[in-house]
């Protein structure tokens, strides 16, 4: 599925292309709705049809009621009673259908949002790690996230409303055609200027918001810095809010100024076209009065036609604005669907390898350069880690040591050279997924998950999450078992103060949780990236002694800027 967007299409070819794209968008939108909640969509369509049929019957019964008003008083009550009963039933049915549509629409919006959010997450976790270092990827992600957060309701509301309006136009048209065949096509002409203004406003909105994506990302970062716990101490110590808040306001002022200019332009178009359509509607009513005065229409027919024209104009407005809303959503969702089509690696889980006798892990003549740069980070690097061996890679900060860690873990691909096991003659290069299955790691920038202590460790090998013995063995080896057991709920304590009854750990304790996570995974090789950066020489020595005692047959690559 693909929805692309170009807000600057011009001339006949451009309009044809825009129309074709709009049709493709509506089809794609229905596919999204069906994939998210097919049953809810079917129910909404049925309810829209019921409401439209009830409206048509209301009009017909209203005309019939007017015709009966000419009868004698005695016969009037007898004749009018069934008509009034039918009119009441249709009115109640239309009102009930409208109420249910609103609530089911709210549920459908939630299901669509969930569907799209899951797909965005799937792309982000599926791309290679190098993509997350690419600013263009983050701009695309920002636009996709904005689309999925803001557009599902507009998409659902637009598609459902446009469908309901279309069904209503058909129903009212069926009532109006026998009375005056020329009224229906004339009223439908109002859709032309309404539709043009709606799609023009949509293109302008998309173009301006696309320009704001990078500013919005910068503002979101400042919001995170000013509102989340991790930077809170430095923000308060340095009074950084006095430096960052003005920058935040400047970014928001730019957005507000852009939106204000856009609002003026859009409002001017909308007011102009709505005034024209209103005058057009009044002219049609004047024509109906003239036709009634000359005897070409009965009072009942004229009354029915007047109501039908107003109802028809109302639905033409609704259809035009709804199609415009879908078109607007399509432009934003074009960013989303383009992002969802981003190529991803195979995401089938490769479980950690069981430790067993095998050859060493070898890097052979590896070169590495980050995508989009010319600076060589690693040049002709070779190293070997054998099972049961601790190999230290020592170098100054900025020498590329953390890059080595990600290469060994299969998170980056070497620009040239290979990583694998020695063969009889040549290196048997491993695929990156195979590398990930053979290596476990503690990174320098290890993650702190706002989950339970148990989940923080077990997610390294989730298929063994229920293995309490292995879980406790990993925490014992990492030297964090006693700390966890003393927490309010032990291993089930949430490690975040952002949640009620949760708690936080010190930096050193978090690092040991990360080590327990790495040890819980039964991979034959362990990478430790600066595990003792904040420790003194004695603590570092004790850690290395413990490492040799606990890692057994695992090969260990210890990356550090110093080694006591």
Protein backbone atom coordinates (compact mmCIF):
# COMPACT_ATOMS: atom_id res chain seq x y z
CA UNK A 1 0.00 0.00 0.00
CA UNK A 2 1.41 3.37 -0.96
CA UNK A 3 0.10 6.91 -0.66
CA UNK A 4 2.48 9.57 -1.87
CA UNK A 5 1.89 13.26 -1.67
CA UNK A 6 2.92 16.31 -3.64
CA UNK A 7 1.27 19.46 -2.35
CA UNK A 8 2.29 21.53 -5.37
CA UNK A 9 0.56 19.78 -8.28
CA UNK A 10 -0.63 22.22 -10.96
CA UNK A 11 -2.38 22.33 -14.35
CA UNK A 12 -4.60 19.65 -15.87
CA UNK A 13 -2.09 16.82 -15.50
CA UNK A 14 -1.55 17.80 -11.87
CA UNK A 15 -5.30 17.88 -11.14
CA UNK A 16 -5.75 14.50 -12.81
CA UNK A 17 -2.87 13.14 -10.77
CA UNK A 18 -4.37 14.60 -7.58
CA UNK A 19 -7.77 13.07 -8.34
CA UNK A 20 -6.19 9.70 -9.04
CA UNK A 21 -4.19 9.93 -5.85
CA UNK A 22 -7.32 10.84 -3.90
CA UNK A 23 -9.12 7.75 -5.19
CA UNK A 24 -6.09 5.61 -4.31
CA UNK A 25 -6.02 7.24 -0.88
CA UNK A 26 -9.68 6.50 -0.15
CA UNK A 27 -9.16 2.87 -1.19
CA UNK A 28 -6.03 2.67 0.97
CA UNK A 29 -7.87 4.29 3.88
CA UNK A 30 -10.58 1.63 3.66
CA UNK A 31 -7.87 -1.02 3.68
CA UNK A 32 -6.40 0.47 6.85
CA UNK A 33 -9.86 0.50 8.43
CA UNK A 34 -10.58 -3.09 7.41
CA UNK A 35 -7.19 -4.27 8.65
CA UNK A 36 -7.73 -2.47 11.96
CA UNK A 37 -11.34 -3.49 12.66
CA UNK A 38 -13.26 -5.00 9.77
CA UNK A 39 -16.35 -5.82 11.84
CA UNK A 40 -16.64 -2.29 13.22
CA UNK A 41 -16.35 -0.86 9.70
CA UNK A 42 -19.12 -3.16 8.41
CA UNK A 43 -21.37 -2.16 11.32
CA UNK A 44 -20.78 1.54 10.66
CA UNK A 45 -21.64 1.14 6.97
CA UNK A 46 -24.88 -0.66 7.87
CA UNK A 47 -25.79 2.07 10.37
CA UNK A 48 -25.11 4.77 7.78
CA UNK A 49 -27.41 3.01 5.31
CA UNK A 50 -30.11 2.63 7.98
CA UNK A 51 -29.86 6.34 8.81
CA UNK A 52 -30.07 7.33 5.13
CA UNK A 53 -33.09 5.10 4.45
CA UNK A 54 -34.79 6.47 7.58
CA UNK A 55 -34.17 10.03 6.31
CA UNK A 56 -35.67 9.24 2.89
CA UNK A 57 -38.73 7.71 4.55
CA UNK A 58 -39.04 10.78 6.79
CA UNK A 59 -39.19 13.01 3.72
CA UNK A 60 -41.74 10.82 1.93
CA UNK A 61 -43.93 10.47 5.01
CA UNK A 62 -43.68 14.22 5.60
CA UNK A 63 -44.97 14.87 2.07
CA UNK A 64 -47.75 12.32 2.58
CA UNK A 65 -48.70 14.06 5.81
CA UNK A 66 -48.93 17.42 4.05
CA UNK A 67 -51.13 15.89 1.34
CA UNK A 68 -53.50 14.53 4.00
CA UNK A 69 -53.95 17.90 5.69
CA UNK A 70 -56.52 18.81 3.06
CA UNK A 71 -58.96 16.08 4.20
CA UNK A 72 -62.05 16.65 6.34
CA UNK A 73 -61.39 16.88 10.08
CA UNK A 74 -63.09 13.56 10.86
CA UNK A 75 -61.11 11.68 8.27
CA UNK A 76 -57.95 13.61 9.06
CA UNK A 77 -57.18 11.92 12.37
CA UNK A 78 -57.92 8.50 10.92
CA UNK A 79 -55.65 9.03 7.92
CA UNK A 80 -52.88 10.94 9.68
CA UNK A 81 -52.37 8.54 12.60
CA UNK A 82 -50.53 5.80 10.63
CA UNK A 83 -48.40 8.42 8.87
CA UNK A 84 -47.45 10.06 12.16
CA UNK A 85 -46.63 6.65 13.64
CA UNK A 86 -44.40 5.81 10.69
CA UNK A 87 -42.75 9.24 10.83
CA UNK A 88 -42.10 8.76 14.55
CA UNK A 89 -40.52 5.35 13.98
CA UNK A 90 -38.27 6.72 11.22
CA UNK A 91 -37.24 9.71 13.35
CA UNK A 92 -36.36 7.49 16.31
CA UNK A 93 -34.51 5.07 14.02
CA UNK A 94 -32.45 7.86 12.44
CA UNK A 95 -31.62 9.36 15.85
CA UNK A 96 -30.62 5.98 17.30
CA UNK A 97 -28.46 5.13 14.29
CA UNK A 98 -26.70 8.50 14.56
CA UNK A 99 -26.00 8.01 18.26
CA UNK A 100 -24.58 4.52 17.77
CA UNK A 101 -22.45 5.69 14.82
CA UNK A 102 -20.77 8.31 17.03
CA UNK A 103 -19.81 5.80 19.72
CA UNK A 104 -18.70 3.05 17.34
CA UNK A 105 -16.66 5.66 15.48
CA UNK A 106 -14.80 6.45 18.71
CA UNK A 107 -13.98 2.76 19.17
CA UNK A 108 -12.90 2.42 15.54
CA UNK A 109 -10.54 5.38 15.94
CA UNK A 110 -8.87 3.63 18.89
CA UNK A 111 -8.46 0.41 16.91
CA UNK A 112 -6.96 2.27 13.93
CA UNK A 113 -4.54 4.11 16.22
CA UNK A 114 -3.43 0.83 17.77
CA UNK A 115 -2.96 -0.79 14.35
CA UNK A 116 -0.82 2.08 13.05
CA UNK A 117 1.22 2.41 16.25
CA UNK A 118 2.11 -1.29 16.16
CA UNK A 119 3.25 -0.96 12.56
CA UNK A 120 5.43 2.08 13.34
CA UNK A 121 7.04 0.20 16.22
CA UNK A 122 7.61 -2.75 13.91
CA UNK A 123 9.52 -0.56 11.46
CA UNK A 124 11.67 1.16 14.10
CA UNK A 125 12.73 -2.09 15.76
CA UNK A 126 13.15 -3.70 12.35
CA UNK A 127 15.59 -1.28 10.72
CA UNK A 128 19.31 -1.73 11.17
CA UNK A 129 20.92 0.25 13.97
CA UNK A 130 22.74 2.52 11.48
CA UNK A 131 19.38 4.00 10.45
CA UNK A 132 18.89 5.37 13.97
CA UNK A 133 22.03 7.48 13.44
CA UNK A 134 20.49 9.06 10.33
CA UNK A 135 18.78 12.45 10.92
CA UNK A 136 16.61 11.97 7.82
CA UNK A 137 15.21 8.79 9.35
CA UNK A 138 14.29 10.73 12.50
CA UNK A 139 12.58 13.45 10.44
CA UNK A 140 10.55 10.76 8.66
CA UNK A 141 9.76 9.10 11.99
CA UNK A 142 8.66 12.44 13.45
CA UNK A 143 6.26 13.01 10.55
CA UNK A 144 4.97 9.43 10.76
CA UNK A 145 4.39 9.74 14.51
CA UNK A 146 2.56 13.05 14.05
CA UNK A 147 0.41 11.43 11.36
CA UNK A 148 -0.52 8.40 13.43
CA UNK A 149 -1.29 10.49 16.52
CA UNK A 150 -3.36 13.20 14.83
CA UNK A 151 -4.79 11.63 11.71
CA UNK A 152 -6.61 8.37 12.63
CA UNK A 153 -9.64 10.26 13.96
CA UNK A 154 -9.76 12.52 10.90
CA UNK A 155 -9.34 9.51 8.64
CA UNK A 156 -12.09 7.50 10.35
CA UNK A 157 -14.39 10.49 10.66
CA UNK A 158 -13.74 11.54 7.06
CA UNK A 159 -14.31 8.12 5.50
CA UNK A 160 -17.38 7.34 7.64
CA UNK A 161 -18.88 10.82 7.16
CA UNK A 162 -18.21 10.81 3.41
CA UNK A 163 -19.84 7.39 3.12
CA UNK A 164 -22.85 8.51 5.15
CA UNK A 165 -23.16 11.73 3.13
CA UNK A 166 -22.96 9.82 -0.16
CA UNK A 167 -25.65 7.36 0.93
CA UNK A 168 -27.78 10.28 2.13
CA UNK A 169 -27.39 12.09 -1.22
CA UNK A 170 -28.55 8.97 -3.05
CA UNK A 171 -31.55 8.56 -0.72
CA UNK A 172 -32.60 12.23 -0.94
CA UNK A 173 -31.99 12.23 -4.69
CA UNK A 174 -34.35 9.28 -5.08
CA UNK A 175 -37.05 11.33 -3.32
CA UNK A 176 -36.32 14.56 -5.20
CA UNK A 177 -36.07 13.23 -8.78
CA UNK A 178 -39.80 12.45 -9.26
CA UNK A 179 -40.73 15.96 -8.09
CA UNK A 180 -38.20 17.97 -10.08
CA UNK A 181 -35.41 16.16 -11.97
CA UNK A 182 -33.39 19.35 -12.54
CA UNK A 183 -32.97 20.16 -8.83
CA UNK A 184 -30.59 17.28 -8.03
CA UNK A 185 -27.85 18.03 -10.62
CA UNK A 186 -28.03 21.76 -9.87
CA UNK A 187 -27.57 21.20 -6.14
CA UNK A 188 -24.69 18.78 -6.79
CA UNK A 189 -22.87 21.56 -8.68
CA UNK A 190 -22.19 23.12 -5.27
CA UNK A 191 -19.76 20.27 -4.60
CA UNK A 192 -17.31 21.68 -7.17
CA UNK A 193 -16.24 24.90 -5.36
CA UNK A 194 -16.60 23.23 -1.96
CA UNK A 195 -14.38 20.34 -3.01
CA UNK A 196 -11.78 22.61 -4.60
CA UNK A 197 -11.45 24.77 -1.47
CA UNK A 198 -11.30 21.73 0.78
CA UNK A 199 -8.49 20.02 -1.16
CA UNK A 200 -6.58 23.31 -1.64
CA UNK A 201 -6.70 23.97 2.10
CA UNK A 202 -5.54 20.41 2.76
CA UNK A 203 -2.50 20.78 0.50
CA UNK A 204 -1.54 24.08 2.12
CA UNK A 205 -1.84 22.61 5.61
CA UNK A 206 0.30 19.60 4.71
CA UNK A 207 2.99 21.73 3.07
CA UNK A 208 3.32 24.04 6.08
CA UNK A 209 3.33 21.23 8.64
CA UNK A 210 5.94 19.31 6.69
CA UNK A 211 8.20 22.35 6.93
CA UNK A 212 7.69 22.36 10.71
CA UNK A 213 8.76 18.73 11.30
CA UNK A 214 12.36 19.50 12.23
CA UNK A 215 11.38 22.39 14.52
CA UNK A 216 8.81 20.13 16.19
CA UNK A 217 11.48 17.50 16.82
CA UNK A 218 13.76 20.09 18.45
CA UNK A 219 10.88 21.36 20.58
CA UNK A 220 9.94 17.81 21.62
CA UNK A 221 13.51 17.24 22.78
CA UNK A 222 13.46 20.41 24.89
CA UNK A 223 10.12 19.31 26.37
CA UNK A 224 11.65 15.95 27.29
CA UNK A 225 14.70 17.60 28.87
CA UNK A 226 12.53 19.93 30.95
CA UNK A 227 9.95 17.35 32.08
CA UNK A 228 11.71 13.99 32.59
CA UNK A 229 13.62 12.78 35.67
CA UNK A 230 17.05 11.95 34.24
CA UNK A 231 18.16 15.52 33.35
CA UNK A 232 16.17 17.05 36.25
CA UNK A 233 19.14 17.36 38.63
CA UNK A 234 21.34 19.22 36.13
CA UNK A 235 18.44 21.42 34.98
CA UNK A 236 17.87 22.55 38.57
CA UNK A 237 21.54 22.81 39.52
CA UNK A 238 22.46 25.01 36.56
CA UNK A 239 19.12 26.82 36.33
CA UNK A 240 19.02 25.51 32.77
CA UNK A 241 15.29 26.19 32.48
CA UNK A 242 16.11 29.90 32.14
CA UNK A 243 18.29 29.05 29.13
CA UNK A 244 16.12 26.34 27.55
CA UNK A 245 12.61 27.75 28.06
CA UNK A 246 13.23 30.86 25.88
CA UNK A 247 14.49 28.56 23.13
CA UNK A 248 11.38 26.39 23.56
CA UNK A 249 9.16 29.48 23.32
CA UNK A 250 10.96 30.67 20.19
CA UNK A 251 10.39 27.33 18.47
CA UNK A 252 6.72 27.35 19.49
CA UNK A 253 6.32 30.98 18.39
CA UNK A 254 7.54 30.00 14.92
CA UNK A 255 4.95 27.24 14.79
CA UNK A 256 2.12 29.50 16.01
CA UNK A 257 3.04 32.22 13.49
CA UNK A 258 2.96 29.67 10.67
CA UNK A 259 -0.39 28.27 11.82
CA UNK A 260 -1.84 31.78 12.18
CA UNK A 261 -0.89 32.72 8.60
CA UNK A 262 -2.28 29.44 7.34
CA UNK A 263 -5.52 29.90 9.29
CA UNK A 264 -6.11 33.34 7.73
CA UNK A 265 -5.62 31.99 4.21
CA UNK A 266 -7.83 28.94 4.77
CA UNK A 267 -10.58 30.96 6.48
CA UNK A 268 -10.75 33.45 3.61
CA UNK A 269 -11.36 30.66 1.09
CA UNK A 270 -13.90 28.88 3.29
CA UNK A 271 -15.93 32.03 4.03
CA UNK A 272 -16.04 32.96 0.33
CA UNK A 273 -17.26 29.57 -0.87
CA UNK A 274 -19.78 29.13 1.98
CA UNK A 275 -21.32 32.55 1.22
CA UNK A 276 -21.62 31.61 -2.46
CA UNK A 277 -23.25 28.26 -1.63
CA UNK A 278 -25.66 29.88 0.86
CA UNK A 279 -26.78 32.42 -1.78
CA UNK A 280 -27.11 29.55 -4.25
CA UNK A 281 -29.38 27.68 -1.79
CA UNK A 282 -31.58 30.72 -1.24
CA UNK A 283 -31.91 31.16 -5.01
CA UNK A 284 -33.15 27.57 -5.31
CA UNK A 285 -35.74 28.17 -2.59
CA UNK A 286 -36.91 31.31 -4.41
CA UNK A 287 -37.27 29.22 -7.58
CA UNK A 288 -39.42 26.70 -5.67
CA UNK A 289 -41.65 29.52 -4.41
CA UNK A 290 -42.06 30.77 -8.00
CA UNK A 291 -42.93 27.25 -9.24
CA UNK A 292 -45.52 26.88 -6.48
CA UNK A 293 -47.02 30.30 -7.23
CA UNK A 294 -47.47 29.37 -10.91
CA UNK A 295 -49.11 26.05 -9.99
CA UNK A 296 -46.34 23.83 -11.37
CA UNK A 297 -45.77 22.37 -7.88
CA UNK A 298 -48.26 21.60 -5.12
CA UNK A 299 -47.65 22.98 -1.65
CA UNK A 300 -46.77 19.48 -0.42
CA UNK A 301 -44.32 18.95 -3.29
CA UNK A 302 -42.76 22.38 -2.77
CA UNK A 303 -42.43 21.77 0.98
CA UNK A 304 -40.83 18.40 0.39
CA UNK A 305 -38.50 19.85 -2.26
CA UNK A 306 -37.49 22.75 0.01
CA UNK A 307 -36.61 20.40 2.86
CA UNK A 308 -34.86 18.01 0.47
CA UNK A 309 -32.78 20.82 -1.07
CA UNK A 310 -31.63 22.00 2.36
CA UNK A 311 -30.85 18.43 3.43
CA UNK A 312 -29.06 17.82 0.14
CA UNK A 313 -26.95 20.98 0.45
CA UNK A 314 -26.09 20.00 3.99
CA UNK A 315 -24.88 16.58 2.81
CA UNK A 316 -23.00 18.04 -0.14
CA UNK A 317 -21.16 20.29 2.33
CA UNK A 318 -20.52 17.30 4.57
CA UNK A 319 -19.33 15.14 1.67
CA UNK A 320 -16.99 17.87 0.41
CA UNK A 321 -15.50 18.58 3.83
CA UNK A 322 -15.21 14.85 4.55
CA UNK A 323 -13.44 14.13 1.27
CA UNK A 324 -11.20 17.11 2.03
CA UNK A 325 -10.51 15.65 5.46
CA UNK A 326 -9.63 12.29 3.91
CA UNK A 327 -7.45 14.09 1.35
CA UNK A 328 -5.72 16.01 4.14
CA UNK A 329 -5.23 12.80 6.09
CA UNK A 330 -3.90 11.15 2.94
CA UNK A 331 -1.18 13.76 2.61
CA UNK A 332 -0.09 13.22 6.20
CA UNK A 333 -0.66 9.47 5.97
CA UNK A 334 1.50 9.52 2.84
CA UNK A 335 4.39 10.23 5.22
CA UNK A 336 3.17 7.40 7.42
CA UNK A 337 2.73 4.82 4.67
CA UNK A 338 6.05 5.82 3.12
CA UNK A 339 7.66 5.24 6.51
CA UNK A 340 5.88 1.91 6.93
CA UNK A 341 7.39 0.77 3.62
CA UNK A 342 10.94 1.34 4.95
CA UNK A 343 12.98 -1.82 4.28
CA UNK A 344 13.59 -3.76 7.48
CA UNK A 345 15.82 -6.62 8.40
CA UNK A 346 14.37 -10.06 9.01
CA UNK A 347 12.88 -9.81 12.49
CA UNK A 348 12.32 -13.49 13.21
CA UNK A 349 13.82 -14.03 16.64
CA UNK A 350 17.14 -15.85 16.72
CA UNK A 351 17.43 -17.32 20.20
CA UNK A 352 20.66 -17.21 22.13
CA UNK A 353 22.99 -20.10 21.43
CA UNK A 354 23.59 -22.62 24.20
CA UNK A 355 27.20 -22.57 25.42
CA UNK A 356 29.09 -25.45 23.89
CA UNK A 357 32.51 -26.26 22.53
CA UNK A 358 33.19 -24.07 19.53
CA UNK A 359 35.98 -22.07 17.98
CA UNK A 360 36.95 -18.52 18.87
CA UNK A 361 35.13 -15.43 17.62
CA UNK A 362 37.37 -13.59 15.17
CA UNK A 363 37.37 -10.09 13.63
CA UNK A 364 39.57 -10.15 10.55
CA UNK A 365 40.81 -7.00 8.77
CA UNK A 366 37.67 -5.04 9.66
CA UNK A 367 37.21 -1.50 8.36
CA UNK A 368 34.23 0.64 9.34
CA UNK A 369 32.89 4.01 8.19
CA UNK A 370 29.51 5.40 9.24
CA UNK A 371 26.97 5.86 6.44
CA UNK A 372 27.01 9.37 5.03
CA UNK A 373 30.48 10.18 6.39
CA UNK A 374 34.02 9.83 5.07
CA UNK A 375 35.81 9.49 8.41
CA UNK A 376 37.22 6.00 8.88
CA UNK A 377 36.35 4.88 12.42
CA UNK A 378 38.16 1.52 12.29
CA UNK A 379 41.04 0.61 10.00
CA UNK A 380 42.20 -2.98 9.47
CA UNK A 381 41.23 -4.20 12.95
CA UNK A 382 41.75 -7.87 13.80
CA UNK A 383 41.18 -9.61 17.13
CA UNK A 384 40.30 -13.03 18.49
CA UNK A 385 38.26 -14.04 21.56
CA UNK A 386 38.44 -17.71 22.52
CA UNK A 387 35.96 -19.53 24.79
CA UNK A 388 36.91 -19.12 28.46
CA UNK A 389 39.23 -16.22 27.64
CA UNK A 390 39.00 -12.57 28.73
CA UNK A 391 40.39 -10.24 26.06
CA UNK A 392 40.78 -6.54 26.92
CA UNK A 393 40.49 -3.89 24.22
CA UNK A 394 42.05 -0.75 25.72
CA UNK A 395 42.04 2.68 24.09
CA UNK A 396 41.31 6.36 24.69
CA UNK A 397 37.83 7.87 24.47
CA UNK A 398 36.72 8.40 20.88
CA UNK A 399 38.93 5.65 19.48
CA UNK A 400 35.95 3.62 18.22
CA UNK A 401 35.79 1.03 21.02
CA UNK A 402 31.98 1.18 21.34
CA UNK A 403 31.74 0.77 17.57
CA UNK A 404 33.73 -2.46 17.94
CA UNK A 405 31.18 -3.65 20.51
CA UNK A 406 28.29 -3.05 18.12
CA UNK A 407 30.15 -4.75 15.25
CA UNK A 408 30.87 -7.85 17.35
CA UNK A 409 27.20 -7.95 18.42
CA UNK A 410 26.04 -7.86 14.79
CA UNK A 411 24.39 -4.46 15.19
CA UNK A 412 26.61 -2.79 12.58
CA UNK A 413 27.93 -4.31 9.38
CA UNK A 414 31.66 -3.91 8.63
CA UNK A 415 32.45 -1.70 5.66
CA UNK A 416 34.95 -4.40 4.73
CA UNK A 417 36.45 -7.43 6.44
CA UNK A 418 34.53 -10.08 8.32
CA UNK A 419 33.50 -11.45 11.72
CA UNK A 420 33.01 -15.15 12.37
CA UNK A 421 34.71 -18.43 13.30
CA UNK A 422 37.94 -19.79 11.83
CA UNK A 423 37.39 -22.39 9.12
CA UNK A 424 39.79 -24.98 7.77
CA UNK A 425 41.25 -22.43 5.37
CA UNK A 426 39.33 -19.15 5.56
CA UNK A 427 37.19 -17.27 8.04
CA UNK A 428 33.60 -18.54 8.17
CA UNK A 429 31.82 -15.19 8.21
CA UNK A 430 28.63 -15.14 10.28
CA UNK A 431 25.45 -13.35 9.24
CA UNK A 432 24.50 -10.50 11.55
CA UNK A 433 21.52 -12.43 12.95
CA UNK A 434 23.85 -15.33 13.74
CA UNK A 435 26.25 -12.97 15.51
CA UNK A 436 23.39 -11.60 17.60
CA UNK A 437 22.51 -15.14 18.66
CA UNK A 438 26.08 -15.86 19.82
CA UNK A 439 26.81 -12.65 21.71
CA UNK A 440 25.40 -11.01 24.83
CA UNK A 441 26.52 -7.60 26.02
CA UNK A 442 26.49 -4.74 28.50
CA UNK A 443 26.74 -1.50 26.54
CA UNK A 444 28.22 1.72 27.88
CA UNK A 445 24.85 3.41 27.39
CA UNK A 446 22.84 0.47 28.77
CA UNK A 447 19.06 0.81 28.93
CA UNK A 448 17.04 1.40 32.09
CA UNK A 449 13.57 -0.06 31.57
CA UNK A 450 10.67 1.26 33.66
CA UNK A 451 9.60 -2.35 34.24
CA UNK A 452 9.91 -4.79 37.11
CA UNK A 453 13.37 -6.00 38.14
CA UNK A 454 12.37 -9.41 36.80
CA UNK A 455 11.45 -8.01 33.38
CA UNK A 456 14.60 -5.88 33.26
CA UNK A 457 16.63 -9.09 33.37
CA UNK A 458 14.39 -11.64 31.64
CA UNK A 459 13.88 -9.64 28.44
CA UNK A 460 17.41 -10.65 27.37
CA UNK A 461 16.13 -14.20 26.81
CA UNK A 462 12.34 -13.92 27.04
CA UNK A 463 11.76 -17.57 26.16
CA UNK A 464 13.33 -18.43 29.55
CA UNK A 465 11.53 -15.67 31.47
CA UNK A 466 9.89 -18.21 33.78
CA UNK A 467 13.18 -19.86 34.77
CA UNK A 468 13.51 -18.56 38.35
CA UNK A 469 16.69 -20.55 39.00
CA UNK A 470 18.49 -19.03 36.01
CA UNK A 471 17.18 -15.57 36.86
CA UNK A 472 18.48 -15.70 40.41
CA UNK A 473 21.78 -17.22 39.27
CA UNK A 474 22.30 -14.27 36.90
CA UNK A 475 21.60 -11.73 39.65
CA UNK A 476 23.94 -13.58 42.04
CA UNK A 477 26.72 -13.59 39.44
CA UNK A 478 26.18 -9.87 38.79
CA UNK A 479 26.23 -9.07 42.51
CA UNK A 480 22.76 -7.48 42.52
CA UNK A 481 20.62 -10.29 44.01
CA UNK A 482 20.70 -8.96 47.58
CA UNK A 483 19.70 -5.45 46.48
CA UNK A 484 16.73 -6.76 44.46
CA UNK A 485 15.52 -9.06 47.23
CA UNK A 486 15.43 -6.09 49.64
CA UNK A 487 13.20 -4.03 47.32
CA UNK A 488 9.54 -3.57 48.46
CA UNK A 489 8.24 -6.28 46.11
CA UNK A 490 11.48 -8.08 45.39
CA UNK A 491 11.86 -9.05 41.75
CA UNK A 492 8.37 -7.66 40.98
CA UNK A 493 9.26 -4.09 42.04
CA UNK A 494 8.95 -1.52 39.23
CA UNK A 495 12.33 0.17 38.77
CA UNK A 496 11.00 3.68 38.25
CA UNK A 497 9.68 6.34 40.61
CA UNK A 498 7.32 7.49 37.85
CA UNK A 499 4.96 4.68 38.95
CA UNK A 500 3.23 4.22 42.29
CA UNK A 501 5.22 1.94 44.64
CA UNK A 502 8.11 1.96 42.19
CA UNK A 503 11.71 2.67 43.13
CA UNK A 504 14.97 3.68 41.46
CA UNK A 505 18.51 2.36 41.69
CA UNK A 506 21.90 4.00 41.79
CA UNK A 507 24.01 4.15 38.62
CA UNK A 508 26.21 1.34 39.88
CA UNK A 509 23.20 -0.82 40.76
CA UNK A 510 21.66 -0.21 37.35
CA UNK A 511 24.93 -1.31 35.76
CA UNK A 512 24.79 -4.56 37.71
CA UNK A 513 21.18 -5.10 36.58
CA UNK A 514 22.44 -4.66 33.01
CA UNK A 515 25.19 -7.22 33.72
CA UNK A 516 22.63 -9.67 35.14
CA UNK A 517 20.58 -9.17 31.98
CA UNK A 518 23.59 -10.01 29.84
CA UNK A 519 24.51 -13.06 31.94
CA UNK A 520 20.91 -14.36 31.86
CA UNK A 521 21.27 -14.81 28.11
CA UNK A 522 22.97 -18.14 27.39
CA UNK A 523 25.25 -16.87 24.64
CA UNK A 524 28.85 -18.15 24.37
CA UNK A 525 30.44 -14.69 24.07
CA UNK A 526 30.07 -11.66 26.33
CA UNK A 527 30.94 -8.06 25.40
CA UNK A 528 31.43 -5.54 28.21
CA UNK A 529 31.70 -1.92 27.07
CA UNK A 530 33.29 0.26 29.79
CA UNK A 531 31.75 -1.76 32.68
CA UNK A 532 33.99 -0.10 35.30
CA UNK A 533 34.18 3.45 33.93
CA UNK A 534 32.98 4.92 37.23
CA UNK A 535 34.85 2.50 39.52
CA UNK A 536 38.15 2.99 41.33
CA UNK A 537 41.14 0.71 40.72
CA UNK A 538 40.34 -1.66 43.60
CA UNK A 539 36.69 -2.04 42.54
CA UNK A 540 37.75 -2.61 38.96
CA UNK A 541 40.17 -5.34 40.08
CA UNK A 542 37.47 -7.03 42.17
CA UNK A 543 35.07 -6.88 39.23
CA UNK A 544 37.59 -8.56 36.90
CA UNK A 545 38.27 -11.30 39.43
CA UNK A 546 34.52 -11.90 39.78
CA UNK A 547 34.17 -11.89 36.00
CA UNK A 548 36.71 -14.66 35.55
CA UNK A 549 34.98 -16.71 38.24
CA UNK A 550 31.45 -16.35 36.86
CA UNK A 551 31.87 -16.44 33.08
CA UNK A 552 33.25 -19.98 32.91
CA UNK A 553 33.51 -21.08 29.28
CA UNK A 554 32.21 -17.80 27.87
CA UNK A 555 34.62 -15.76 25.84
CA UNK A 556 34.71 -12.17 27.12
CA UNK A 557 35.65 -9.01 25.22
CA UNK A 558 36.30 -6.30 27.80
CA UNK A 559 36.33 -2.80 26.29
CA UNK A 560 37.79 -0.05 28.47
CA UNK A 561 39.78 3.18 28.34
CA UNK A 562 42.01 1.97 31.16
CA UNK A 563 42.92 -1.33 32.79
CA UNK A 564 44.24 -1.48 36.33
